[in-house]
Amino acid sequence: MIEEKGGSAQILERLMSSYGVNTQKDLAAALDIPANNISGWTQRDSVPGNAIIKCALDTGVDLQWLVSGKLANASSSILGERISGSALYQEIMASGGKPVLRRILDAYGFTMQKQLCEHLNISSGTVSTWVRRNYFPGDVVVTCALDTGVSLEWLATGKDKPSLNSIDPASDFSQVIKIAKGKLTAGKLADNGFYYFDNSFLSKEILEPFLIESASKSWIIDLSQKNISNGRWVINIDGNFDVYDVTRVPGNKINIVGKTSSFECNVDEVTPIGVVVKTLENNI
């Protein structure tokens, strides 16, 4: 028997999301297996491949998404007849709780509810209430769709493709790269969602791209670069982050030039976050 090992809890959540159920008991009924089978999967941290395949065939969702949570090819491309009006409303309201939460987490690329709470500045108790009451958080679904570009229909119902709405469906999705971004404010750097770029915009030499935004500029940096050399760097100085122009000088020292000051120090007195590879500037 083919089995997927590791991350069984997340796979089970995606199975429940696909079937539109909220409990392992209901999932067992959908898979036509005894309920204690699923408890055994959880204990072994292993979900049988035949259950994943059955779900993919039953619901039309993408096998890769069920296994890994990756969104590039997730969900069926055969949509069938669309519903509308009261039938659509009832389907959306029945998609609350764990299924919609799983899709929101996957859209953001988060693995923990805590990350979602911090990103949206909501309490963990609020998210727990969604699950406990099988609640559909419409405002968060809309926010997520706008924030990530993922299909609103997929977030709300689990149908359609969770691909970027802004991308031509005829285009090659494999040419799009998703990178995390952060917000730089008053020396503090906080996670702030994601950006999507055409692969041709970024050099293949950038191993770990990350976008940082400030009020007037944005910088694409390579987080894999930690050995400070001449150039522009994002540096952590005593817990404060900023972008500096750096020059190496003899004695294992560096000259650092910022917006309002410049100074010289030893290399090991600062912490490099990454080298700036592109600078984007607002002109209005």
C-alpha atoms as a PDB file:
ATOM      1  CA  MET A   1       0.000   0.000   0.000  1.00  0.00           C
ATOM      2  CA  ILE A   2       1.312   3.432  -0.918  1.00  0.00           C
ATOM      3  CA  GLU A   3       1.323   5.764   2.078  1.00  0.00           C
ATOM      4  CA  GLU A   4       2.140   9.420   2.598  1.00  0.00           C
ATOM      5  CA  LYS A   5       4.216   9.798   5.763  1.00  0.00           C
ATOM      6  CA  GLY A   6       4.589  13.033   7.690  1.00  0.00           C
ATOM      7  CA  GLY A   7       2.145  15.929   7.968  1.00  0.00           C
ATOM      8  CA  SER A   8      -0.834  13.584   8.331  1.00  0.00           C
ATOM      9  CA  ALA A   9      -2.840  16.204  10.249  1.00  0.00           C
ATOM     10  CA  GLN A  10      -2.554  18.666   7.363  1.00  0.00           C
ATOM     11  CA  ILE A  11      -3.418  15.983   4.787  1.00  0.00           C
ATOM     12  CA  LEU A  12      -6.475  14.979   6.806  1.00  0.00           C
ATOM     13  CA  GLU A  13      -7.576  18.623   6.933  1.00  0.00           C
ATOM     14  CA  ARG A  14      -7.262  18.856   3.153  1.00  0.00           C
ATOM     15  CA  LEU A  15      -9.264  15.647   2.755  1.00  0.00           C
ATOM     16  CA  MET A  16     -11.999  17.081   4.986  1.00  0.00           C
ATOM     17  CA  SER A  17     -11.857  20.377   3.116  1.00  0.00           C
ATOM     18  CA  SER A  18     -12.301  18.566  -0.194  1.00  0.00           C
ATOM     19  CA  TYR A  19     -15.302  16.597   1.024  1.00  0.00           C
ATOM     20  CA  GLY A  20     -16.705  19.629   2.857  1.00  0.00           C
ATOM     21  CA  VAL A  21     -16.828  17.894   6.246  1.00  0.00           C
ATOM     22  CA  ASN A  22     -15.579  19.008   9.651  1.00  0.00           C
ATOM     23  CA  THR A  23     -14.990  15.825  11.643  1.00  0.00           C
ATOM     24  CA  GLN A  24     -12.949  12.666  11.212  1.00  0.00           C
ATOM     25  CA  LYS A  25     -16.173  10.671  11.655  1.00  0.00           C
ATOM     26  CA  ASP A  26     -17.741  12.392   8.652  1.00  0.00           C
ATOM     27  CA  LEU A  27     -14.522  11.944   6.671  1.00  0.00           C
ATOM     28  CA  ALA A  28     -14.578   8.226   7.429  1.00  0.00           C
ATOM     29  CA  ALA A  29     -18.159   8.057   6.153  1.00  0.00           C
ATOM     30  CA  ALA A  30     -17.162   9.895   2.962  1.00  0.00           C
ATOM     31  CA  LEU A  31     -14.258   7.473   2.418  1.00  0.00           C
ATOM     32  CA  ASP A  32     -16.496   4.512   3.366  1.00  0.00           C
ATOM     33  CA  ILE A  33     -14.101   3.235   6.030  1.00  0.00           C
ATOM     34  CA  PRO A  34     -14.342   2.616   9.803  1.00  0.00           C
ATOM     35  CA  ALA A  35     -13.781   5.756  11.870  1.00  0.00           C
ATOM     36  CA  ASN A  36     -11.004   4.145  13.932  1.00  0.00           C
ATOM     37  CA  ASN A  37      -8.935   3.757  10.754  1.00  0.00           C
ATOM     38  CA  ILE A  38      -8.377   7.507  10.705  1.00  0.00           C
ATOM     39  CA  SER A  39      -7.316   7.498  14.347  1.00  0.00           C
ATOM     40  CA  GLY A  40      -4.706   4.919  13.398  1.00  0.00           C
ATOM     41  CA  TRP A  41      -3.422   7.127  10.580  1.00  0.00           C
ATOM     42  CA  THR A  42      -2.982   9.980  13.037  1.00  0.00           C
ATOM     43  CA  GLN A  43      -1.087   7.804  15.502  1.00  0.00           C
ATOM     44  CA  ARG A  44       1.227   6.510  12.772  1.00  0.00           C
ATOM     45  CA  ASP A  45       1.492   9.962  11.138  1.00  0.00           C
ATOM     46  CA  SER A  46       0.732   8.261   7.833  1.00  0.00           C
ATOM     47  CA  VAL A  47      -2.221   8.553   5.444  1.00  0.00           C
ATOM     48  CA  PRO A  48      -2.774   5.677   2.973  1.00  0.00           C
ATOM     49  CA  GLY A  49      -2.349   6.657  -0.651  1.00  0.00           C
ATOM     50  CA  ASN A  50      -5.560   4.887  -1.661  1.00  0.00           C
ATOM     51  CA  ALA A  51      -7.585   7.228   0.590  1.00  0.00           C
ATOM     52  CA  ILE A  52      -5.931  10.262  -1.009  1.00  0.00           C
ATOM     53  CA  ILE A  53      -6.560   8.894  -4.500  1.00  0.00           C
ATOM     54  CA  LYS A  54     -10.205   8.106  -3.686  1.00  0.00           C
ATOM     55  CA  CYS A  55     -10.700  11.675  -2.473  1.00  0.00           C
ATOM     56  CA  ALA A  56      -9.126  13.083  -5.635  1.00  0.00           C
ATOM     57  CA  LEU A  57     -11.388  10.932  -7.811  1.00  0.00           C
ATOM     58  CA  ASP A  58     -14.492  11.630  -5.725  1.00  0.00           C
ATOM     59  CA  THR A  59     -14.092  15.403  -5.509  1.00  0.00           C
ATOM     60  CA  GLY A  60     -11.935  16.335  -8.509  1.00  0.00           C
ATOM     61  CA  VAL A  61      -9.350  18.201  -6.431  1.00  0.00           C
ATOM     62  CA  ASP A  62      -5.716  18.003  -7.431  1.00  0.00           C
ATOM     63  CA  LEU A  63      -3.719  15.054  -6.090  1.00  0.00           C
ATOM     64  CA  GLN A  64      -0.595  17.201  -5.570  1.00  0.00           C
ATOM     65  CA  TRP A  65      -2.537  19.663  -3.430  1.00  0.00           C
ATOM     66  CA  LEU A  66      -3.991  16.880  -1.294  1.00  0.00           C
ATOM     67  CA  VAL A  67      -0.513  15.480  -0.641  1.00  0.00           C
ATOM     68  CA  SER A  68       1.548  18.659  -0.257  1.00  0.00           C
ATOM     69  CA  GLY A  69      -0.798  21.646   0.041  1.00  0.00           C
ATOM     70  CA  LYS A  70       0.901  23.339  -2.923  1.00  0.00           C
ATOM     71  CA  LEU A  71      -1.452  25.503  -4.913  1.00  0.00           C
ATOM     72  CA  ALA A  72       0.109  25.678  -8.379  1.00  0.00           C
ATOM     73  CA  ASN A  73      -2.150  23.025  -9.885  1.00  0.00           C
ATOM     74  CA  ALA A  74      -4.661  22.520  -7.122  1.00  0.00           C
ATOM     75  CA  SER A  75      -8.330  21.748  -7.709  1.00  0.00           C
ATOM     76  CA  SER A  76     -10.162  20.360 -10.658  1.00  0.00           C
ATOM     77  CA  SER A  77     -10.119  22.113 -13.996  1.00  0.00           C
ATOM     78  CA  ILE A  78     -13.454  20.477 -14.822  1.00  0.00           C
ATOM     79  CA  LEU A  79     -15.894  22.761 -13.081  1.00  0.00           C
ATOM     80  CA  GLY A  80     -19.138  21.375 -14.412  1.00  0.00           C
ATOM     81  CA  GLU A  81     -22.334  23.382 -14.149  1.00  0.00           C
ATOM     82  CA  ARG A  82     -22.045  26.384 -11.884  1.00  0.00           C
ATOM     83  CA  ILE A  83     -24.643  27.023  -9.215  1.00  0.00           C
ATOM     84  CA  SER A  84     -25.943  30.445  -8.219  1.00  0.00           C
ATOM     85  CA  GLY A  85     -28.372  32.248  -5.969  1.00  0.00           C
ATOM     86  CA  SER A  86     -29.636  30.502  -2.855  1.00  0.00           C
ATOM     87  CA  ALA A  87     -27.945  27.213  -3.798  1.00  0.00           C
ATOM     88  CA  LEU A  88     -24.560  28.969  -3.998  1.00  0.00           C
ATOM     89  CA  TYR A  89     -25.228  30.785  -0.716  1.00  0.00           C
ATOM     90  CA  GLN A  90     -26.080  27.516   1.046  1.00  0.00           C
ATOM     91  CA  GLU A  91     -22.934  25.868  -0.319  1.00  0.00           C
ATOM     92  CA  ILE A  92     -20.736  28.728   0.871  1.00  0.00           C
ATOM     93  CA  MET A  93     -22.289  28.784   4.343  1.00  0.00           C
ATOM     94  CA  ALA A  94     -21.772  25.012   4.576  1.00  0.00           C
ATOM     95  CA  SER A  95     -18.042  25.469   3.878  1.00  0.00           C
ATOM     96  CA  GLY A  96     -17.174  27.001   7.226  1.00  0.00           C
ATOM     97  CA  GLY A  97     -14.990  25.709  10.042  1.00  0.00           C
ATOM     98  CA  LYS A  98     -11.940  23.592   9.321  1.00  0.00           C
ATOM     99  CA  PRO A  99     -12.327  23.280   5.524  1.00  0.00           C
ATOM    100  CA  VAL A 100     -12.253  27.008   4.824  1.00  0.00           C
ATOM    101  CA  LEU A 101      -9.533  27.565   7.450  1.00  0.00           C
ATOM    102  CA  ARG A 102      -7.361  24.939   5.725  1.00  0.00           C
ATOM    103  CA  ARG A 103      -7.739  26.697   2.383  1.00  0.00           C
ATOM    104  CA  ILE A 104      -6.922  30.098   3.913  1.00  0.00           C
ATOM    105  CA  LEU A 105      -3.757  28.727   5.537  1.00  0.00           C
ATOM    106  CA  ASP A 106      -2.654  27.094   2.277  1.00  0.00           C
ATOM    107  CA  ALA A 107      -3.350  30.285   0.302  1.00  0.00           C
ATOM    108  CA  TYR A 108      -1.033  32.256   2.594  1.00  0.00           C
ATOM    109  CA  GLY A 109       1.493  29.431   2.766  1.00  0.00           C
ATOM    110  CA  PHE A 110       1.112  29.228   6.556  1.00  0.00           C
ATOM    111  CA  THR A 111       1.517  26.007   8.511  1.00  0.00           C
ATOM    112  CA  MET A 112       0.115  27.237  11.838  1.00  0.00           C
ATOM    113  CA  GLN A 113      -2.999  29.136  12.899  1.00  0.00           C
ATOM    114  CA  LYS A 114      -0.706  31.401  14.930  1.00  0.00           C
ATOM    115  CA  GLN A 115       0.833  32.757  11.719  1.00  0.00           C
ATOM    116  CA  LEU A 116      -2.601  33.655  10.344  1.00  0.00           C
ATOM    117  CA  CYS A 117      -3.575  35.351  13.621  1.00  0.00           C
ATOM    118  CA  GLU A 118      -0.407  37.440  13.614  1.00  0.00           C
ATOM    119  CA  HIS A 119      -0.763  38.341   9.933  1.00  0.00           C
ATOM    120  CA  LEU A 120      -4.389  39.506  10.285  1.00  0.00           C
ATOM    121  CA  ASN A 121      -4.033  40.753  13.884  1.00  0.00           C
ATOM    122  CA  ILE A 122      -6.851  38.561  15.190  1.00  0.00           C
ATOM    123  CA  SER A 123      -6.969  36.430  18.319  1.00  0.00           C
ATOM    124  CA  SER A 124      -6.476  32.671  18.389  1.00  0.00           C
ATOM    125  CA  GLY A 125      -9.809  32.462  20.183  1.00  0.00           C
ATOM    126  CA  THR A 126     -11.530  33.940  17.147  1.00  0.00           C
ATOM    127  CA  VAL A 127     -10.099  31.252  14.866  1.00  0.00           C
ATOM    128  CA  SER A 128     -11.002  28.540  17.362  1.00  0.00           C
ATOM    129  CA  THR A 129     -14.580  29.845  17.313  1.00  0.00           C
ATOM    130  CA  TRP A 130     -14.723  29.438  13.523  1.00  0.00           C
ATOM    131  CA  VAL A 131     -13.854  25.767  13.902  1.00  0.00           C
ATOM    132  CA  ARG A 132     -16.048  25.092  16.923  1.00  0.00           C
ATOM    133  CA  ARG A 133     -19.148  26.747  15.428  1.00  0.00           C
ATOM    134  CA  ASN A 134     -18.485  25.702  11.833  1.00  0.00           C
ATOM    135  CA  TYR A 135     -18.472  29.430  11.049  1.00  0.00           C
ATOM    136  CA  PHE A 136     -17.736  30.894   7.609  1.00  0.00           C
ATOM    137  CA  PRO A 137     -15.456  33.977   8.076  1.00  0.00           C
ATOM    138  CA  GLY A 138     -16.525  35.900   4.988  1.00  0.00           C
ATOM    139  CA  ASP A 139     -14.485  39.026   5.735  1.00  0.00           C
ATOM    140  CA  VAL A 140     -11.302  36.976   6.157  1.00  0.00           C
ATOM    141  CA  VAL A 141     -11.998  34.989   2.979  1.00  0.00           C
ATOM    142  CA  VAL A 142     -12.319  38.224   0.982  1.00  0.00           C
ATOM    143  CA  THR A 143      -9.173  39.645   2.627  1.00  0.00           C
ATOM    144  CA  CYS A 144      -7.248  36.480   1.814  1.00  0.00           C
ATOM    145  CA  ALA A 145      -8.377  36.523  -1.827  1.00  0.00           C
ATOM    146  CA  LEU A 146      -7.278  40.143  -2.241  1.00  0.00           C
ATOM    147  CA  ASP A 147      -4.069  39.615  -0.265  1.00  0.00           C
ATOM    148  CA  THR A 148      -2.877  36.494  -2.083  1.00  0.00           C
ATOM    149  CA  GLY A 149      -4.591  36.617  -5.478  1.00  0.00           C
ATOM    150  CA  VAL A 150      -6.022  33.131  -4.937  1.00  0.00           C
ATOM    151  CA  SER A 151      -9.420  32.343  -6.483  1.00  0.00           C
ATOM    152  CA  LEU A 152     -12.300  33.593  -4.327  1.00  0.00           C
ATOM    153  CA  GLU A 153     -14.480  30.719  -5.519  1.00  0.00           C
ATOM    154  CA  TRP A 154     -11.890  28.173  -4.408  1.00  0.00           C
ATOM    155  CA  LEU A 155     -11.477  29.818  -1.002  1.00  0.00           C
ATOM    156  CA  ALA A 156     -15.239  29.974  -0.444  1.00  0.00           C
ATOM    157  CA  THR A 157     -16.301  26.563  -1.758  1.00  0.00           C
ATOM    158  CA  GLY A 158     -13.213  24.471  -2.525  1.00  0.00           C
ATOM    159  CA  LYS A 159     -14.128  24.482  -6.228  1.00  0.00           C
ATOM    160  CA  ASP A 160     -12.336  26.109  -9.157  1.00  0.00           C
ATOM    161  CA  LYS A 161      -8.557  26.555  -9.299  1.00  0.00           C
ATOM    162  CA  PRO A 162      -6.760  28.414  -6.483  1.00  0.00           C
ATOM    163  CA  SER A 163      -4.681  30.215  -9.090  1.00  0.00           C
ATOM    164  CA  LEU A 164      -3.949  33.912  -9.290  1.00  0.00           C
ATOM    165  CA  ASN A 165      -6.961  35.867 -10.563  1.00  0.00           C
ATOM    166  CA  SER A 166      -4.666  38.428 -12.167  1.00  0.00           C
ATOM    167  CA  ILE A 167      -2.943  35.881 -14.393  1.00  0.00           C
ATOM    168  CA  ASP A 168      -4.261  34.963 -17.811  1.00  0.00           C
ATOM    169  CA  PRO A 169      -5.626  31.394 -17.490  1.00  0.00           C
ATOM    170  CA  ALA A 170      -3.963  30.560 -20.799  1.00  0.00           C
ATOM    171  CA  SER A 171      -0.550  31.551 -19.466  1.00  0.00           C
ATOM    172  CA  ASP A 172       1.973  29.113 -18.009  1.00  0.00           C
ATOM    173  CA  PHE A 173       1.617  29.223 -14.201  1.00  0.00           C
ATOM    174  CA  SER A 174       5.025  27.580 -13.863  1.00  0.00           C
ATOM    175  CA  GLN A 175       6.588  30.874 -14.964  1.00  0.00           C
ATOM    176  CA  VAL A 176       5.289  32.638 -11.843  1.00  0.00           C
ATOM    177  CA  ILE A 177       7.292  32.743  -8.616  1.00  0.00           C
ATOM    178  CA  LYS A 178       5.754  33.458  -5.211  1.00  0.00           C
ATOM    179  CA  ILE A 179       8.013  35.180  -2.682  1.00  0.00           C
ATOM    180  CA  ALA A 180       7.366  36.278   0.872  1.00  0.00           C
ATOM    181  CA  LYS A 181       7.388  39.976   1.717  1.00  0.00           C
ATOM    182  CA  GLY A 182       7.937  42.002   4.851  1.00  0.00           C
ATOM    183  CA  LYS A 183       7.058  45.497   6.023  1.00  0.00           C
ATOM    184  CA  LEU A 184       9.854  47.731   7.345  1.00  0.00           C
ATOM    185  CA  THR A 185       8.564  50.356   9.772  1.00  0.00           C
ATOM    186  CA  ALA A 186      10.571  52.326  12.337  1.00  0.00           C
ATOM    187  CA  GLY A 187      13.354  49.756  12.414  1.00  0.00           C
ATOM    188  CA  LYS A 188      11.036  46.773  12.781  1.00  0.00           C
ATOM    189  CA  LEU A 189      10.598  44.115  10.105  1.00  0.00           C
ATOM    190  CA  ALA A 190       7.343  42.118  10.102  1.00  0.00           C
ATOM    191  CA  ASP A 191       5.949  39.481   7.746  1.00  0.00           C
ATOM    192  CA  ASN A 192       3.402  40.969   5.354  1.00  0.00           C
ATOM    193  CA  GLY A 193       2.094  38.319   2.952  1.00  0.00           C
ATOM    194  CA  PHE A 194       3.454  37.501  -0.481  1.00  0.00           C
ATOM    195  CA  TYR A 195       4.223  38.903  -3.934  1.00  0.00           C
ATOM    196  CA  TYR A 196       4.111  37.142  -7.280  1.00  0.00           C
ATOM    197  CA  PHE A 197       6.634  37.815 -10.052  1.00  0.00           C
ATOM    198  CA  ASP A 198       7.343  36.449 -13.489  1.00  0.00           C
ATOM    199  CA  ASN A 199      10.418  34.232 -13.245  1.00  0.00           C
ATOM    200  CA  SER A 200      12.208  36.401 -15.793  1.00  0.00           C
ATOM    201  CA  PHE A 201      12.094  39.350 -13.364  1.00  0.00           C
ATOM    202  CA  LEU A 202      14.420  37.619 -10.911  1.00  0.00           C
ATOM    203  CA  SER A 203      17.855  36.226 -11.646  1.00  0.00           C
ATOM    204  CA  LYS A 204      18.306  32.491 -11.101  1.00  0.00           C
ATOM    205  CA  GLU A 205      21.330  33.370  -8.980  1.00  0.00           C
ATOM    206  CA  ILE A 206      18.985  34.674  -6.265  1.00  0.00           C
ATOM    207  CA  LEU A 207      18.584  31.617  -4.060  1.00  0.00           C
ATOM    208  CA  GLU A 208      16.213  32.954  -1.372  1.00  0.00           C
ATOM    209  CA  PRO A 209      14.344  36.036  -2.663  1.00  0.00           C
ATOM    210  CA  PHE A 210      12.442  38.174  -0.165  1.00  0.00           C
ATOM    211  CA  LEU A 211      10.673  41.512  -0.722  1.00  0.00           C
ATOM    212  CA  ILE A 212      10.865  44.296   1.853  1.00  0.00           C
ATOM    213  CA  GLU A 213       8.528  47.295   1.651  1.00  0.00           C
ATOM    214  CA  SER A 214       8.865  50.694   3.305  1.00  0.00           C
ATOM    215  CA  ALA A 215       6.785  53.847   2.883  1.00  0.00           C
ATOM    216  CA  SER A 216       8.596  54.974  -0.273  1.00  0.00           C
ATOM    217  CA  LYS A 217      10.792  52.098  -1.470  1.00  0.00           C
ATOM    218  CA  SER A 218      10.880  48.339  -1.820  1.00  0.00           C
ATOM    219  CA  TRP A 219      13.893  46.070  -1.980  1.00  0.00           C
ATOM    220  CA  ILE A 220      14.266  42.518  -3.240  1.00  0.00           C
ATOM    221  CA  ILE A 221      16.965  40.828  -1.195  1.00  0.00           C
ATOM    222  CA  ASP A 222      18.657  37.440  -1.218  1.00  0.00           C
ATOM    223  CA  LEU A 223      18.387  35.923   2.245  1.00  0.00           C
ATOM    224  CA  SER A 224      20.988  33.268   1.391  1.00  0.00           C
ATOM    225  CA  GLN A 225      23.796  35.872   1.313  1.00  0.00           C
ATOM    226  CA  LYS A 226      25.304  36.378   4.784  1.00  0.00           C
ATOM    227  CA  ASN A 227      28.960  37.175   4.091  1.00  0.00           C
ATOM    228  CA  ILE A 228      29.032  40.988   3.989  1.00  0.00           C
ATOM    229  CA  SER A 229      30.763  42.443   0.928  1.00  0.00           C
ATOM    230  CA  ASN A 230      30.643  45.783  -0.863  1.00  0.00           C
ATOM    231  CA  GLY A 231      27.087  46.645  -1.790  1.00  0.00           C
ATOM    232  CA  ARG A 232      23.656  47.390  -0.343  1.00  0.00           C
ATOM    233  CA  TRP A 233      22.508  45.243   2.563  1.00  0.00           C
ATOM    234  CA  VAL A 234      19.633  44.839   4.980  1.00  0.00           C
ATOM    235  CA  ILE A 235      21.282  44.790   8.385  1.00  0.00           C
ATOM    236  CA  ASN A 236      20.117  44.220  11.935  1.00  0.00           C
ATOM    237  CA  ILE A 237      21.905  46.578  14.336  1.00  0.00           C
ATOM    238  CA  ASP A 238      20.997  45.974  17.975  1.00  0.00           C
ATOM    239  CA  GLY A 239      17.506  44.788  17.039  1.00  0.00           C
ATOM    240  CA  ASN A 240      16.814  47.550  14.506  1.00  0.00           C
ATOM    241  CA  PHE A 241      16.565  46.734  10.802  1.00  0.00           C
ATOM    242  CA  ASP A 242      17.397  49.057   7.925  1.00  0.00           C
ATOM    243  CA  VAL A 243      18.973  49.217   4.470  1.00  0.00           C
ATOM    244  CA  TYR A 244      22.595  50.391   4.293  1.00  0.00           C
ATOM    245  CA  ASP A 245      25.346  50.859   1.729  1.00  0.00           C
ATOM    246  CA  VAL A 246      28.351  48.876   2.922  1.00  0.00           C
ATOM    247  CA  THR A 247      32.055  49.080   2.062  1.00  0.00           C
ATOM    248  CA  ARG A 248      34.680  46.661   3.383  1.00  0.00           C
ATOM    249  CA  VAL A 249      37.793  48.261   4.866  1.00  0.00           C
ATOM    250  CA  PRO A 250      41.029  46.686   6.188  1.00  0.00           C
ATOM    251  CA  GLY A 251      41.034  45.071   9.620  1.00  0.00           C
ATOM    252  CA  ASN A 252      37.824  43.091   9.099  1.00  0.00           C
ATOM    253  CA  LYS A 253      35.854  46.308   9.405  1.00  0.00           C
ATOM    254  CA  ILE A 254      33.025  47.795   7.363  1.00  0.00           C
ATOM    255  CA  ASN A 255      31.929  51.345   6.632  1.00  0.00           C
ATOM    256  CA  ILE A 256      28.146  51.640   6.868  1.00  0.00           C
ATOM    257  CA  VAL A 257      26.194  54.513   5.285  1.00  0.00           C
ATOM    258  CA  GLY A 258      22.515  54.968   6.081  1.00  0.00           C
ATOM    259  CA  LYS A 259      19.893  57.617   5.354  1.00  0.00           C
ATOM    260  CA  THR A 260      20.906  59.849   8.243  1.00  0.00           C
ATOM    261  CA  SER A 261      24.266  58.607   9.489  1.00  0.00           C
ATOM    262  CA  SER A 262      27.468  56.745   8.673  1.00  0.00           C
ATOM    263  CA  PHE A 263      29.920  54.881  10.883  1.00  0.00           C
ATOM    264  CA  GLU A 264      32.609  52.226  10.933  1.00  0.00           C
ATOM    265  CA  CYS A 265      32.511  49.000  12.931  1.00  0.00           C
ATOM    266  CA  ASN A 266      33.740  45.408  13.032  1.00  0.00           C
ATOM    267  CA  VAL A 267      31.950  42.975  10.742  1.00  0.00           C
ATOM    268  CA  ASP A 268      30.802  40.823  13.656  1.00  0.00           C
ATOM    269  CA  GLU A 269      29.129  43.772  15.405  1.00  0.00           C
ATOM    270  CA  VAL A 270      26.160  43.701  13.024  1.00  0.00           C
ATOM    271  CA  THR A 271      23.887  40.948  11.677  1.00  0.00           C
ATOM    272  CA  PRO A 272      23.347  40.806   7.894  1.00  0.00           C
ATOM    273  CA  ILE A 273      19.838  39.753   6.842  1.00  0.00           C
ATOM    274  CA  GLY A 274      20.506  39.656   3.106  1.00  0.00           C
ATOM    275  CA  VAL A 275      22.007  41.515   0.182  1.00  0.00           C
ATOM    276  CA  VAL A 276      19.820  43.873  -1.858  1.00  0.00           C
ATOM    277  CA  VAL A 277      19.582  42.745  -5.486  1.00  0.00           C
ATOM    278  CA  LYS A 278      16.888  45.173  -6.715  1.00  0.00           C
ATOM    279  CA  THR A 279      15.597  48.521  -5.459  1.00  0.00           C
ATOM    280  CA  LEU A 280      12.077  49.677  -6.404  1.00  0.00           C
ATOM    281  CA  GLU A 281      11.139  53.306  -5.744  1.00  0.00           C
ATOM    282  CA  ASN A 282       7.774  55.073  -5.692  1.00  0.00           C
ATOM    283  CA  ASN A 283       7.754  58.321  -7.702  1.00  0.00           C
ATOM    284  CA  ILE A 284       4.346  59.610  -6.580  1.00  0.00           C
END
